[in-house]
Amino acid sequence: MAFLEVSCLKKIYTTRFGGSQVQALSNVSFSAEEGEYVAIMGESGSGKTTLLNILAALDRPTGGRVILDGMDLGQIKDKEITMFRREHLGFVFQDFNLLDTFNLRDNIFLPLVLGRKSVQEMTDSLLPIAQKLGIRDILDKYPYEVSGGQKQRAAVARALITNPKLILADEPTGALDSKAANDLLTLLGEINRDGQTILMVTHSARAASRAGRVLFIKDGEVYHQIYRGNSTNEQMYQKISDTLTLLATGGDVR
């Protein structure tokens, strides 16, 4: 069995007064191996965010299953779901989701504090990560005192500090300038080469071109996918751009 198995995933939302239904996902199936770096792309309304929320155990599907490293997410009890996310998943968001009243160190420590780890355990876990991400010298600064790129590095450190099975990144370069975005993508590539499994939702062809595989979602289904193989980042970028153009113009890429 693959590390991540998504099978026949469906999600139907019912409007507030039950007058109509909206099908966000209709039949999503794919798998990912441990250590893969997968990007998910698609137009607004295609179901990307819904899929990410289900993979993050923030929402439950109407039908289908998600199995992560042998664990069926649908079988996790509601009272245990928060602990599951904290212990097994790492999150990187477009807007960083850092607390302005905490310095970077305490923001990064937060998942471990909630897990009741000792100060020594937290410090031992943080230092090698902070060193790798180049933020060791700014841990005492507050989010409003550092750049967007440094904020996102702190967010990545927070995602990594629990040693998660899977990192879910939602538009991680969306709030960054081109240099900071490039630096972050290089960093995510290094983290992936160290063995971390990453699944990234993005609108950016440049960001997706760093992944090992790109899934395209259209009308609530996996419509197409591209494998890196021996392609360079530029070759991947061109393949992704061509596919996005075909999807936007109604062309058939299958």
Protein backbone atom coordinates (compact mmCIF):
# COMPACT_ATOMS: atom_id res chain seq x y z
CA MET A 1 0.00 0.00 0.00
CA ALA A 2 1.18 3.53 -0.81
CA PHE A 3 2.07 5.94 1.98
CA LEU A 4 -0.93 8.13 1.12
CA GLU A 5 -4.01 6.59 -0.52
CA VAL A 6 -6.90 8.78 -1.64
CA SER A 7 -9.74 6.66 -3.00
CA CYS A 8 -12.96 7.82 -4.72
CA LEU A 9 -13.13 10.97 -2.62
CA LYS A 10 -16.39 12.91 -2.80
CA LYS A 11 -17.56 16.03 -1.02
CA ILE A 12 -21.02 17.55 -1.29
CA TYR A 13 -21.92 20.72 0.57
CA THR A 14 -25.54 21.47 1.35
CA THR A 15 -26.54 25.13 1.48
CA ARG A 16 -27.56 26.59 4.80
CA PHE A 17 -31.28 26.01 4.37
CA GLY A 18 -30.91 22.77 2.44
CA GLY A 19 -32.23 24.24 -0.78
CA SER A 20 -29.39 23.06 -3.00
CA GLN A 21 -26.20 21.05 -3.03
CA VAL A 22 -22.73 21.83 -4.34
CA GLN A 23 -20.39 19.01 -5.30
CA ALA A 24 -16.85 20.18 -4.57
CA LEU A 25 -15.20 16.81 -5.19
CA SER A 26 -16.74 14.12 -7.35
CA ASN A 27 -14.26 11.25 -7.66
CA VAL A 28 -10.70 12.04 -6.58
CA SER A 29 -8.28 9.13 -6.47
CA PHE A 30 -4.49 9.21 -6.30
CA SER A 31 -1.65 7.85 -4.22
CA ALA A 32 1.72 9.12 -3.06
CA GLU A 33 4.77 7.29 -1.83
CA GLU A 34 6.72 8.22 1.26
CA GLY A 35 9.25 10.91 0.42
CA GLU A 36 7.36 12.21 -2.63
CA TYR A 37 6.89 15.90 -3.39
CA VAL A 38 3.51 16.40 -5.06
CA ALA A 39 1.98 19.68 -6.24
CA ILE A 40 -1.76 20.10 -6.82
CA MET A 41 -2.99 22.69 -9.29
CA GLY A 42 -6.32 23.78 -10.72
CA GLU A 43 -8.48 26.82 -11.35
CA SER A 44 -10.38 28.50 -8.52
CA GLY A 45 -13.40 26.37 -7.63
CA SER A 46 -11.81 23.17 -8.94
CA GLY A 47 -11.77 21.53 -5.50
CA LYS A 48 -8.13 22.05 -4.46
CA THR A 49 -8.92 23.70 -1.14
CA THR A 50 -11.60 21.15 -0.30
CA LEU A 51 -9.16 18.34 -1.03
CA LEU A 52 -6.48 19.95 1.15
CA ASN A 53 -8.94 20.40 4.03
CA ILE A 54 -9.90 16.73 3.88
CA LEU A 55 -6.26 15.62 3.77
CA ALA A 56 -5.62 17.89 6.75
CA ALA A 57 -8.49 16.23 8.64
CA LEU A 58 -10.17 19.63 8.89
CA ASP A 59 -13.18 18.36 6.96
CA ARG A 60 -14.69 14.94 6.37
CA PRO A 61 -15.60 13.61 2.92
CA THR A 62 -19.11 12.69 1.85
CA GLY A 63 -17.68 9.51 0.38
CA GLY A 64 -14.38 7.77 -0.22
CA ARG A 65 -11.34 7.25 1.99
CA VAL A 66 -8.01 8.81 2.89
CA ILE A 67 -5.40 6.49 4.35
CA LEU A 68 -2.12 7.95 5.61
CA ASP A 69 0.61 5.47 6.54
CA GLY A 70 -2.01 2.80 7.25
CA MET A 71 -4.32 5.11 9.23
CA ASP A 72 -7.84 5.66 7.89
CA LEU A 73 -8.59 9.33 8.60
CA GLY A 74 -12.31 8.62 8.50
CA GLN A 75 -11.99 6.31 11.49
CA ILE A 76 -10.35 8.86 13.77
CA LYS A 77 -12.77 10.03 16.45
CA ASP A 78 -13.64 13.72 16.62
CA LYS A 79 -12.11 14.07 20.09
CA GLU A 80 -8.81 12.65 18.81
CA ILE A 81 -8.57 14.57 15.53
CA THR A 82 -6.76 17.63 16.93
CA MET A 83 -4.05 15.47 18.46
CA PHE A 84 -3.75 13.50 15.22
CA ARG A 85 -3.14 16.68 13.21
CA ARG A 86 -0.62 17.97 15.74
CA GLU A 87 1.39 14.73 15.86
CA HIS A 88 1.26 13.58 12.23
CA LEU A 89 0.79 16.62 9.99
CA GLY A 90 2.74 19.82 9.43
CA PHE A 91 1.14 22.91 7.91
CA VAL A 92 2.58 25.80 5.92
CA PHE A 93 0.10 28.55 5.01
CA GLN A 94 0.19 31.47 2.57
CA ASP A 95 -0.31 34.02 5.36
CA PHE A 96 2.14 32.33 7.77
CA ASN A 97 -0.40 31.99 10.65
CA LEU A 98 2.11 33.24 13.22
CA LEU A 99 1.00 34.85 16.48
CA ASP A 100 2.25 38.45 16.73
CA THR A 101 2.33 38.27 20.54
CA PHE A 102 4.83 35.38 20.43
CA ASN A 103 8.41 35.60 19.24
CA LEU A 104 9.49 33.22 16.48
CA ARG A 105 10.86 30.69 18.96
CA ASP A 106 7.57 30.45 20.83
CA ASN A 107 5.58 30.30 17.59
CA ILE A 108 7.68 27.35 16.49
CA PHE A 109 7.41 25.71 19.92
CA LEU A 110 3.60 25.94 19.97
CA PRO A 111 2.80 22.42 18.65
CA LEU A 112 5.24 20.94 21.18
CA VAL A 113 3.83 23.04 24.02
CA LEU A 114 0.37 21.71 23.18
CA GLY A 115 1.90 18.24 23.18
CA ARG A 116 3.29 18.92 26.67
CA LYS A 117 6.94 18.48 25.76
CA SER A 118 9.62 19.72 28.13
CA VAL A 119 11.62 22.88 27.45
CA GLN A 120 14.74 20.78 26.93
CA GLU A 121 13.00 18.53 24.41
CA MET A 122 11.69 21.55 22.53
CA THR A 123 15.08 23.25 22.46
CA ASP A 124 16.83 20.08 21.30
CA SER A 125 14.30 19.72 18.48
CA LEU A 126 14.44 23.37 17.41
CA LEU A 127 18.16 24.11 17.14
CA PRO A 128 19.08 21.85 14.19
CA ILE A 129 15.95 22.93 12.30
CA ALA A 130 16.59 26.63 12.94
CA GLN A 131 20.19 26.17 11.79
CA LYS A 132 19.12 24.46 8.56
CA LEU A 133 16.49 27.12 7.82
CA GLY A 134 18.85 30.01 8.59
CA ILE A 135 16.73 31.55 11.36
CA ARG A 136 18.76 30.69 14.46
CA ASP A 137 19.83 34.33 14.94
CA ILE A 138 16.31 35.77 14.78
CA LEU A 139 14.40 33.38 17.08
CA ASP A 140 13.90 36.12 19.68
CA LYS A 141 12.34 38.51 17.17
CA TYR A 142 8.59 38.91 16.73
CA PRO A 143 6.81 38.30 13.40
CA TYR A 144 6.33 42.04 12.80
CA GLU A 145 10.10 42.55 13.11
CA VAL A 146 11.14 40.18 10.30
CA SER A 147 10.59 39.86 6.56
CA GLY A 148 7.95 37.73 4.84
CA GLY A 149 10.57 35.18 3.83
CA GLN A 150 11.79 34.89 7.42
CA LYS A 151 8.20 34.51 8.65
CA GLN A 152 7.65 31.66 6.20
CA ARG A 153 10.88 29.98 7.28
CA ALA A 154 9.61 30.14 10.86
CA ALA A 155 6.32 28.62 9.68
CA VAL A 156 8.25 25.82 7.97
CA ALA A 157 10.20 25.24 11.20
CA ARG A 158 6.92 25.00 13.11
CA ALA A 159 5.67 22.45 10.56
CA LEU A 160 8.84 20.37 10.84
CA ILE A 161 9.37 20.41 14.59
CA THR A 162 6.91 17.59 15.30
CA ASN A 163 8.64 15.37 12.72
CA PRO A 164 5.36 14.96 10.78
CA LYS A 165 4.49 12.16 8.41
CA LEU A 166 3.22 14.68 5.86
CA ILE A 167 3.65 18.41 5.26
CA LEU A 168 0.67 20.15 3.68
CA ALA A 169 1.58 23.48 2.09
CA ASP A 170 -1.21 25.84 0.99
CA GLU A 171 0.10 28.47 -1.48
CA PRO A 172 3.35 28.77 0.53
CA THR A 173 4.89 31.33 -1.86
CA GLY A 174 1.73 33.39 -2.36
CA ALA A 175 2.68 36.22 0.00
CA LEU A 176 6.39 36.34 -0.88
CA ASP A 177 8.42 38.37 -3.36
CA SER A 178 10.19 36.47 -6.12
CA LYS A 179 13.53 36.12 -4.31
CA ALA A 180 11.95 34.96 -1.03
CA ALA A 181 9.71 32.58 -2.97
CA ASN A 182 12.67 31.10 -4.81
CA ASP A 183 14.60 30.71 -1.55
CA LEU A 184 11.63 28.97 0.07
CA LEU A 185 11.17 26.59 -2.87
CA THR A 186 14.86 25.71 -2.74
CA LEU A 187 14.46 25.04 0.97
CA LEU A 188 11.40 22.84 0.48
CA GLY A 189 13.33 20.87 -2.14
CA GLU A 190 16.15 20.27 0.35
CA ILE A 191 13.68 19.20 3.01
CA ASN A 192 12.11 16.78 0.55
CA ARG A 193 15.49 15.33 -0.39
CA ASP A 194 16.04 14.68 3.32
CA GLY A 195 13.03 12.35 3.11
CA GLN A 196 10.07 14.56 4.06
CA THR A 197 6.83 13.90 2.18
CA ILE A 198 5.29 17.16 0.91
CA LEU A 199 1.96 17.91 -0.71
CA MET A 200 1.60 21.48 -1.95
CA VAL A 201 -1.45 23.29 -3.33
CA THR A 202 -0.43 26.19 -5.56
CA HIS A 203 -1.53 28.46 -8.40
CA SER A 204 2.10 29.09 -9.30
CA ALA A 205 3.56 27.11 -12.18
CA ARG A 206 7.00 28.20 -10.97
CA ALA A 207 6.37 26.70 -7.52
CA ALA A 208 4.84 23.51 -8.95
CA SER A 209 7.83 23.04 -11.27
CA ARG A 210 9.95 22.16 -8.22
CA ALA A 211 7.77 19.14 -7.34
CA GLY A 212 8.36 15.59 -8.46
CA ARG A 213 4.78 15.26 -9.71
CA VAL A 214 1.96 17.67 -10.48
CA LEU A 215 -1.72 16.74 -10.22
CA PHE A 216 -4.29 18.89 -12.02
CA ILE A 217 -7.78 19.07 -10.52
CA LYS A 218 -10.71 20.00 -12.75
CA ASP A 219 -14.43 19.81 -11.90
CA GLY A 220 -13.70 17.93 -8.70
CA GLU A 221 -11.55 15.19 -10.26
CA VAL A 222 -7.90 14.49 -10.96
CA TYR A 223 -7.86 15.41 -14.63
CA HIS A 224 -4.21 15.02 -15.53
CA GLN A 225 -0.78 14.58 -13.98
CA ILE A 226 2.81 15.25 -14.95
CA TYR A 227 5.83 13.32 -13.67
CA ARG A 228 9.21 15.00 -13.45
CA GLY A 229 11.29 12.09 -14.65
CA ASN A 230 14.56 13.60 -15.88
CA SER A 231 13.03 17.00 -16.62
CA THR A 232 14.73 20.16 -15.38
CA ASN A 233 12.78 22.79 -13.47
CA GLU A 234 12.46 24.86 -16.65
CA GLN A 235 11.19 21.88 -18.64
CA MET A 236 8.68 21.12 -15.88
CA TYR A 237 7.60 24.76 -15.88
CA GLN A 238 6.93 24.61 -19.62
CA LYS A 239 4.96 21.38 -19.36
CA ILE A 240 2.86 22.83 -16.53
CA SER A 241 2.25 26.10 -18.39
CA ASP A 242 1.17 24.23 -21.52
CA THR A 243 -1.21 22.05 -19.51
CA LEU A 244 -2.74 25.05 -17.71
CA THR A 245 -3.31 26.75 -21.07
CA LEU A 246 -5.08 23.68 -22.42
CA LEU A 247 -7.22 23.42 -19.30
CA ALA A 248 -8.18 27.11 -19.52
CA THR A 249 -9.11 26.85 -23.21
CA GLY A 250 -10.98 23.58 -22.93
CA GLY A 251 -8.35 21.51 -24.66
CA ASP A 252 -7.91 17.79 -23.99
CA VAL A 253 -4.63 16.87 -22.32
CA ARG A 254 -5.43 13.25 -21.70
